[in-house]
Amino acid sequence: MKARVHVMLKDGVLDPQGEAVRHALGTLGFLGVNGVRQGKIIELDLAEGTDEATVAQMCEKLLANTVIESYRVEFG
């Protein structure tokens, strides 16, 4: 079973990497980009029977810094 965890900075948290990407895109001539938020995707290959609660615990304890990041899990 596979799970994909999407981790993003929460709204209101400064994203210096995203701002650097936005600036670089402008420098390259892509002037229509008003903002960039950068995140990460973590793919997990899980044993059959691993439940959503276990994946949520993984996110809460290691995969996401829940003080400044939010996460969303997709199974499939």
C-alpha atoms as a PDB file:
ATOM      1  CA  MET A   1       0.000   0.000   0.000  1.00  0.00           C
ATOM      2  CA  LYS A   2       1.261   3.465  -0.839  1.00  0.00           C
ATOM      3  CA  ALA A   3       0.691   6.779   0.887  1.00  0.00           C
ATOM      4  CA  ARG A   4       1.754  10.212  -0.228  1.00  0.00           C
ATOM      5  CA  VAL A   5       2.216  12.935   2.406  1.00  0.00           C
ATOM      6  CA  HIS A   6       2.042  16.557   1.217  1.00  0.00           C
ATOM      7  CA  VAL A   7       3.738  18.954   3.667  1.00  0.00           C
ATOM      8  CA  MET A   8       3.396  22.740   3.317  1.00  0.00           C
ATOM      9  CA  LEU A   9       4.167  25.714   5.502  1.00  0.00           C
ATOM     10  CA  LYS A  10       1.064  27.059   7.214  1.00  0.00           C
ATOM     11  CA  ASP A  11      -0.442  30.325   5.999  1.00  0.00           C
ATOM     12  CA  GLY A  12       1.277  33.261   7.639  1.00  0.00           C
ATOM     13  CA  VAL A  13       4.622  31.483   8.031  1.00  0.00           C
ATOM     14  CA  LEU A  14       7.354  33.161   5.992  1.00  0.00           C
ATOM     15  CA  ASP A  15       8.658  30.999   3.133  1.00  0.00           C
ATOM     16  CA  PRO A  16      12.142  32.246   2.168  1.00  0.00           C
ATOM     17  CA  GLN A  17      12.651  29.397  -0.325  1.00  0.00           C
ATOM     18  CA  GLY A  18       9.359  30.188  -2.012  1.00  0.00           C
ATOM     19  CA  GLU A  19      10.271  33.874  -2.160  1.00  0.00           C
ATOM     20  CA  ALA A  20      13.664  33.029  -3.701  1.00  0.00           C
ATOM     21  CA  VAL A  21      11.917  30.925  -6.365  1.00  0.00           C
ATOM     22  CA  ARG A  22       9.428  33.739  -7.068  1.00  0.00           C
ATOM     23  CA  HIS A  23      12.272  36.222  -7.455  1.00  0.00           C
ATOM     24  CA  ALA A  24      14.254  33.872  -9.717  1.00  0.00           C
ATOM     25  CA  LEU A  25      11.216  33.313 -11.936  1.00  0.00           C
ATOM     26  CA  GLY A  26      10.839  37.087 -12.293  1.00  0.00           C
ATOM     27  CA  THR A  27      14.518  37.381 -13.191  1.00  0.00           C
ATOM     28  CA  LEU A  28      13.998  34.755 -15.891  1.00  0.00           C
ATOM     29  CA  GLY A  29      11.159  36.803 -17.374  1.00  0.00           C
ATOM     30  CA  PHE A  30       8.165  35.057 -15.803  1.00  0.00           C
ATOM     31  CA  LEU A  31       6.533  38.222 -14.518  1.00  0.00           C
ATOM     32  CA  GLY A  32       3.055  36.865 -13.724  1.00  0.00           C
ATOM     33  CA  VAL A  33       4.069  34.987 -10.558  1.00  0.00           C
ATOM     34  CA  ASN A  34       2.844  36.883  -7.478  1.00  0.00           C
ATOM     35  CA  GLY A  35       3.750  34.282  -4.868  1.00  0.00           C
ATOM     36  CA  VAL A  36       5.327  30.869  -4.393  1.00  0.00           C
ATOM     37  CA  ARG A  37       4.956  28.450  -1.487  1.00  0.00           C
ATOM     38  CA  GLN A  38       7.370  25.547  -1.480  1.00  0.00           C
ATOM     39  CA  GLY A  39       6.642  22.249   0.207  1.00  0.00           C
ATOM     40  CA  LYS A  40       7.594  18.610   0.044  1.00  0.00           C
ATOM     41  CA  ILE A  41       6.014  15.304  -0.899  1.00  0.00           C
ATOM     42  CA  ILE A  42       6.962  12.147   0.965  1.00  0.00           C
ATOM     43  CA  GLU A  43       6.003   8.791  -0.542  1.00  0.00           C
ATOM     44  CA  LEU A  44       5.608   5.883   1.833  1.00  0.00           C
ATOM     45  CA  ASP A  45       5.489   2.223   0.817  1.00  0.00           C
ATOM     46  CA  LEU A  46       3.502   0.699   3.673  1.00  0.00           C
ATOM     47  CA  ALA A  47       2.725  -2.827   4.785  1.00  0.00           C
ATOM     48  CA  GLU A  48      -0.832  -3.928   4.096  1.00  0.00           C
ATOM     49  CA  GLY A  49      -3.057  -3.120   7.024  1.00  0.00           C
ATOM     50  CA  THR A  50      -1.258   0.087   8.022  1.00  0.00           C
ATOM     51  CA  ASP A  51      -4.072   2.396   9.043  1.00  0.00           C
ATOM     52  CA  GLU A  52      -4.562   6.126   8.585  1.00  0.00           C
ATOM     53  CA  ALA A  53      -4.051   6.764  12.299  1.00  0.00           C
ATOM     54  CA  THR A  54      -0.552   5.247  12.123  1.00  0.00           C
ATOM     55  CA  VAL A  55       0.375   7.441   9.155  1.00  0.00           C
ATOM     56  CA  ALA A  56      -0.982  10.477  11.021  1.00  0.00           C
ATOM     57  CA  GLN A  57       1.269   9.589  13.970  1.00  0.00           C
ATOM     58  CA  MET A  58       4.250   9.403  11.581  1.00  0.00           C
ATOM     59  CA  CYS A  59       3.405  12.881  10.340  1.00  0.00           C
ATOM     60  CA  GLU A  60       2.898  14.325  13.811  1.00  0.00           C
ATOM     61  CA  LYS A  61       6.106  12.829  15.236  1.00  0.00           C
ATOM     62  CA  LEU A  62       8.549  13.137  12.330  1.00  0.00           C
ATOM     63  CA  LEU A  63       7.401  13.992   8.831  1.00  0.00           C
ATOM     64  CA  ALA A  64       5.900  17.428   9.519  1.00  0.00           C
ATOM     65  CA  ASN A  65       6.771  20.149  11.994  1.00  0.00           C
ATOM     66  CA  THR A  66       3.170  20.794  12.997  1.00  0.00           C
ATOM     67  CA  VAL A  67       4.018  24.098  14.659  1.00  0.00           C
ATOM     68  CA  ILE A  68       4.717  25.691  11.269  1.00  0.00           C
ATOM     69  CA  GLU A  69       3.624  23.061   8.721  1.00  0.00           C
ATOM     70  CA  SER A  70       0.386  21.394   7.723  1.00  0.00           C
ATOM     71  CA  TYR A  71       0.115  18.035   6.024  1.00  0.00           C
ATOM     72  CA  ARG A  72      -2.313  16.064   3.918  1.00  0.00           C
ATOM     73  CA  VAL A  73      -2.192  12.307   3.291  1.00  0.00           C
ATOM     74  CA  GLU A  74      -3.327  10.511   0.125  1.00  0.00           C
ATOM     75  CA  PHE A  75      -3.652   6.731  -0.039  1.00  0.00           C
ATOM     76  CA  GLY A  76      -3.551   4.799  -3.256  1.00  0.00           C
END
